Amino acid sequence: MIAVIWLAMLVFFNDMNQGSKLIFYLVTSWMLFLIVGIVKEAIRQRKGKN
């Protein structure tokens, strides 16, 4: 869901005002945080199985 919102905002990035760009940067940083958390958890689970 977040990725769909991010892609839609990316399409209109040049038309955004400062407030919209702030929201874009917040969503981007939140997505990166989620990706890092998911990868970290996947690595932790693989190490637990070995």
PDB file of N, CA and C in Angstrom:
ATOM      1  N   MET A   1       0.829  -1.199   0.000  1.00  0.00           N
ATOM      2  CA  MET A   1       0.000   0.000   0.000  1.00  0.00           C
ATOM      3  C   MET A   1       0.868   1.256   0.000  1.00  0.00           C
ATOM      4  N   ILE A   2       1.889   1.253   0.847  1.00  0.00           N
ATOM      5  CA  ILE A   2       2.769   2.415   0.916  1.00  0.00           C
ATOM      6  C   ILE A   2       3.506   2.597  -0.399  1.00  0.00           C
ATOM      7  N   ALA A   3       3.894   1.494  -1.032  1.00  0.00           N
ATOM      8  CA  ALA A   3       4.608   1.576  -2.307  1.00  0.00           C
ATOM      9  C   ALA A   3       3.730   2.202  -3.391  1.00  0.00           C
ATOM     10  N   VAL A   4       2.450   1.904  -3.398  1.00  0.00           N
ATOM     11  CA  VAL A   4       1.534   2.484  -4.382  1.00  0.00           C
ATOM     12  C   VAL A   4       1.432   3.987  -4.172  1.00  0.00           C
ATOM     13  N   ILE A   5       1.299   4.410  -2.926  1.00  0.00           N
ATOM     14  CA  ILE A   5       1.236   5.841  -2.617  1.00  0.00           C
ATOM     15  C   ILE A   5       2.542   6.522  -3.022  1.00  0.00           C
ATOM     16  N   TRP A   6       3.673   5.870  -2.725  1.00  0.00           N
ATOM     17  CA  TRP A   6       4.974   6.442  -3.056  1.00  0.00           C
ATOM     18  C   TRP A   6       5.130   6.597  -4.565  1.00  0.00           C
ATOM     19  N   LEU A   7       4.754   5.589  -5.328  1.00  0.00           N
ATOM     20  CA  LEU A   7       4.858   5.669  -6.784  1.00  0.00           C
ATOM     21  C   LEU A   7       3.961   6.764  -7.353  1.00  0.00           C
ATOM     22  N   ALA A   8       2.766   6.908  -6.811  1.00  0.00           N
ATOM     23  CA  ALA A   8       1.865   7.970  -7.267  1.00  0.00           C
ATOM     24  C   ALA A   8       2.458   9.344  -6.965  1.00  0.00           C
ATOM     25  N   MET A   9       3.056   9.502  -5.788  1.00  0.00           N
ATOM     26  CA  MET A   9       3.675  10.784  -5.453  1.00  0.00           C
ATOM     27  C   MET A   9       4.900  11.035  -6.318  1.00  0.00           C
ATOM     28  N   LEU A  10       5.637   9.992  -6.678  1.00  0.00           N
ATOM     29  CA  LEU A  10       6.822  10.140  -7.521  1.00  0.00           C
ATOM     30  C   LEU A  10       6.456  10.667  -8.905  1.00  0.00           C
ATOM     31  N   VAL A  11       5.309  10.245  -9.427  1.00  0.00           N
ATOM     32  CA  VAL A  11       4.867  10.701 -10.744  1.00  0.00           C
ATOM     33  C   VAL A  11       4.654  12.217 -10.743  1.00  0.00           C
ATOM     34  N   PHE A  12       4.133  12.761  -9.653  1.00  0.00           N
ATOM     35  CA  PHE A  12       3.809  14.182  -9.571  1.00  0.00           C
ATOM     36  C   PHE A  12       4.837  14.988  -8.777  1.00  0.00           C
ATOM     37  N   PHE A  13       6.058  14.464  -8.633  1.00  0.00           N
ATOM     38  CA  PHE A  13       7.066  15.118  -7.794  1.00  0.00           C
ATOM     39  C   PHE A  13       7.360  16.548  -8.253  1.00  0.00           C
ATOM     40  N   ASN A  14       7.460  16.778  -9.554  1.00  0.00           N
ATOM     41  CA  ASN A  14       7.791  18.112 -10.052  1.00  0.00           C
ATOM     42  C   ASN A  14       6.686  19.132  -9.798  1.00  0.00           C
ATOM     43  N   ASP A  15       5.444  18.679  -9.627  1.00  0.00           N
ATOM     44  CA  ASP A  15       4.318  19.576  -9.398  1.00  0.00           C
ATOM     45  C   ASP A  15       4.038  19.814  -7.918  1.00  0.00           C
ATOM     46  N   MET A  16       4.822  19.210  -7.035  1.00  0.00           N
ATOM     47  CA  MET A  16       4.566  19.302  -5.596  1.00  0.00           C
ATOM     48  C   MET A  16       5.045  20.630  -5.018  1.00  0.00           C
ATOM     49  N   ASN A  17       4.325  21.075  -3.980  1.00  0.00           N
ATOM     50  CA  ASN A  17       4.805  22.220  -3.206  1.00  0.00           C
ATOM     51  C   ASN A  17       5.666  21.702  -2.062  1.00  0.00           C
ATOM     52  N   GLN A  18       6.139  22.597  -1.213  1.00  0.00           N
ATOM     53  CA  GLN A  18       7.064  22.200  -0.149  1.00  0.00           C
ATOM     54  C   GLN A  18       6.418  21.218   0.838  1.00  0.00           C
ATOM     55  N   GLY A  19       5.167  21.434   1.185  1.00  0.00           N
ATOM     56  CA  GLY A  19       4.485  20.526   2.100  1.00  0.00           C
ATOM     57  C   GLY A  19       4.347  19.124   1.533  1.00  0.00           C
ATOM     58  N   SER A  20       4.018  19.051   0.265  1.00  0.00           N
ATOM     59  CA  SER A  20       3.882  17.755  -0.391  1.00  0.00           C
ATOM     60  C   SER A  20       5.225  17.039  -0.469  1.00  0.00           C
ATOM     61  N   LYS A  21       6.294  17.793  -0.729  1.00  0.00           N
ATOM     62  CA  LYS A  21       7.623  17.172  -0.785  1.00  0.00           C
ATOM     63  C   LYS A  21       8.038  16.660   0.586  1.00  0.00           C
ATOM     64  N   LEU A  22       7.652  17.365   1.646  1.00  0.00           N
ATOM     65  CA  LEU A  22       7.951  16.899   3.003  1.00  0.00           C
ATOM     66  C   LEU A  22       7.259  15.561   3.262  1.00  0.00           C
ATOM     67  N   ILE A  23       6.005  15.443   2.866  1.00  0.00           N
ATOM     68  CA  ILE A  23       5.278  14.186   3.021  1.00  0.00           C
ATOM     69  C   ILE A  23       5.947  13.092   2.207  1.00  0.00           C
ATOM     70  N   PHE A  24       6.387  13.417   0.989  1.00  0.00           N
ATOM     71  CA  PHE A  24       7.088  12.452   0.137  1.00  0.00           C
ATOM     72  C   PHE A  24       8.339  11.943   0.836  1.00  0.00           C
ATOM     73  N   TYR A  25       9.132  12.848   1.409  1.00  0.00           N
ATOM     74  CA  TYR A  25      10.356  12.436   2.091  1.00  0.00           C
ATOM     75  C   TYR A  25      10.055  11.608   3.337  1.00  0.00           C
ATOM     76  N   LEU A  26       8.998  11.945   4.063  1.00  0.00           N
ATOM     77  CA  LEU A  26       8.620  11.159   5.237  1.00  0.00           C
ATOM     78  C   LEU A  26       8.186   9.748   4.840  1.00  0.00           C
ATOM     79  N   VAL A  27       7.386   9.641   3.792  1.00  0.00           N
ATOM     80  CA  VAL A  27       6.938   8.326   3.323  1.00  0.00           C
ATOM     81  C   VAL A  27       8.129   7.503   2.836  1.00  0.00           C
ATOM     82  N   THR A  28       9.066   8.169   2.129  1.00  0.00           N
ATOM     83  CA  THR A  28      10.245   7.473   1.633  1.00  0.00           C
ATOM     84  C   THR A  28      11.092   6.944   2.786  1.00  0.00           C
ATOM     85  N   SER A  29      11.313   7.774   3.793  1.00  0.00           N
ATOM     86  CA  SER A  29      12.121   7.318   4.923  1.00  0.00           C
ATOM     87  C   SER A  29      11.399   6.214   5.696  1.00  0.00           C
ATOM     88  N   TRP A  30      10.094   6.273   5.811  1.00  0.00           N
ATOM     89  CA  TRP A  30       9.334   5.220   6.485  1.00  0.00           C
ATOM     90  C   TRP A  30       9.425   3.913   5.704  1.00  0.00           C
ATOM     91  N   MET A  31       9.341   3.981   4.367  1.00  0.00           N
ATOM     92  CA  MET A  31       9.471   2.772   3.558  1.00  0.00           C
ATOM     93  C   MET A  31      10.855   2.154   3.718  1.00  0.00           C
ATOM     94  N   LEU A  32      11.888   2.972   3.731  1.00  0.00           N
ATOM     95  CA  LEU A  32      13.241   2.457   3.919  1.00  0.00           C
ATOM     96  C   LEU A  32      13.386   1.798   5.285  1.00  0.00           C
ATOM     97  N   PHE A  33      12.782   2.388   6.315  1.00  0.00           N
ATOM     98  CA  PHE A  33      12.806   1.812   7.660  1.00  0.00           C
ATOM     99  C   PHE A  33      12.132   0.441   7.664  1.00  0.00           C
ATOM    100  N   LEU A  34      10.989   0.325   6.997  1.00  0.00           N
ATOM    101  CA  LEU A  34      10.281  -0.953   6.934  1.00  0.00           C
ATOM    102  C   LEU A  34      11.087  -1.997   6.178  1.00  0.00           C
ATOM    103  N   ILE A  35      11.719  -1.595   5.074  1.00  0.00           N
ATOM    104  CA  ILE A  35      12.527  -2.538   4.297  1.00  0.00           C
ATOM    105  C   ILE A  35      13.695  -3.048   5.120  1.00  0.00           C
ATOM    106  N   VAL A  36      14.381  -2.158   5.827  1.00  0.00           N
ATOM    107  CA  VAL A  36      15.506  -2.570   6.667  1.00  0.00           C
ATOM    108  C   VAL A  36      15.030  -3.531   7.756  1.00  0.00           C
ATOM    109  N   GLY A  37      13.893  -3.230   8.367  1.00  0.00           N
ATOM    110  CA  GLY A  37      13.352  -4.113   9.396  1.00  0.00           C
ATOM    111  C   GLY A  37      12.999  -5.485   8.865  1.00  0.00           C
ATOM    112  N   ILE A  38      12.413  -5.549   7.682  1.00  0.00           N
ATOM    113  CA  ILE A  38      12.040  -6.829   7.085  1.00  0.00           C
ATOM    114  C   ILE A  38      13.281  -7.642   6.738  1.00  0.00           C
ATOM    115  N   VAL A  39      14.279  -6.992   6.155  1.00  0.00           N
ATOM    116  CA  VAL A  39      15.516  -7.693   5.798  1.00  0.00           C
ATOM    117  C   VAL A  39      16.227  -8.183   7.060  1.00  0.00           C
ATOM    118  N   LYS A  40      16.269  -7.348   8.080  1.00  0.00           N
ATOM    119  CA  LYS A  40      16.916  -7.733   9.340  1.00  0.00           C
ATOM    120  C   LYS A  40      16.218  -8.946   9.957  1.00  0.00           C
ATOM    121  N   GLU A  41      14.901  -8.947   9.939  1.00  0.00           N
ATOM    122  CA  GLU A  41      14.147 -10.076  10.494  1.00  0.00           C
ATOM    123  C   GLU A  41      14.374 -11.340   9.672  1.00  0.00           C
ATOM    124  N   ALA A  42      14.441 -11.220   8.341  1.00  0.00           N
ATOM    125  CA  ALA A  42      14.682 -12.379   7.488  1.00  0.00           C
ATOM    126  C   ALA A  42      16.067 -12.966   7.766  1.00  0.00           C
ATOM    127  N   ILE A  43      17.058 -12.105   7.938  1.00  0.00           N
ATOM    128  CA  ILE A  43      18.407 -12.582   8.248  1.00  0.00           C
ATOM    129  C   ILE A  43      18.426 -13.267   9.610  1.00  0.00           C
ATOM    130  N   ARG A  44      17.744 -12.697  10.570  1.00  0.00           N
ATOM    131  CA  ARG A  44      17.681 -13.277  11.919  1.00  0.00           C
ATOM    132  C   ARG A  44      17.027 -14.656  11.887  1.00  0.00           C
ATOM    133  N   GLN A  45      15.980 -14.812  11.097  1.00  0.00           N
ATOM    134  CA  GLN A  45      15.300 -16.108  11.011  1.00  0.00           C
ATOM    135  C   GLN A  45      16.176 -17.137  10.314  1.00  0.00           C
ATOM    136  N   ARG A  46      16.912 -16.753   9.298  1.00  0.00           N
ATOM    137  CA  ARG A  46      17.795 -17.695   8.613  1.00  0.00           C
ATOM    138  C   ARG A  46      18.926 -18.150   9.522  1.00  0.00           C
ATOM    139  N   LYS A  47      19.465 -17.240  10.321  1.00  0.00           N
ATOM    140  CA  LYS A  47      20.527 -17.614  11.239  1.00  0.00           C
ATOM    141  C   LYS A  47      20.011 -18.549  12.317  1.00  0.00           C
ATOM    142  N   GLY A  48      18.753 -18.378  12.699  1.00  0.00           N
ATOM    143  CA  GLY A  48      18.156 -19.247  13.700  1.00  0.00           C
ATOM    144  C   GLY A  48      17.931 -20.659  13.207  1.00  0.00           C
ATOM    145  N   LYS A  49      17.722 -20.828  11.916  1.00  0.00           N
ATOM    146  CA  LYS A  49      17.486 -22.159  11.357  1.00  0.00           C
ATOM    147  C   LYS A  49      18.775 -22.943  11.203  1.00  0.00           C
ATOM    148  N   ASN A  50      19.905 -22.266  11.067  1.00  0.00           N
ATOM    149  CA  ASN A  50      21.194 -22.969  10.876  1.00  0.00           C
ATOM    150  C   ASN A  50      21.745 -23.504  12.139  1.00  0.00           C
TER     151      ASN A  50
END
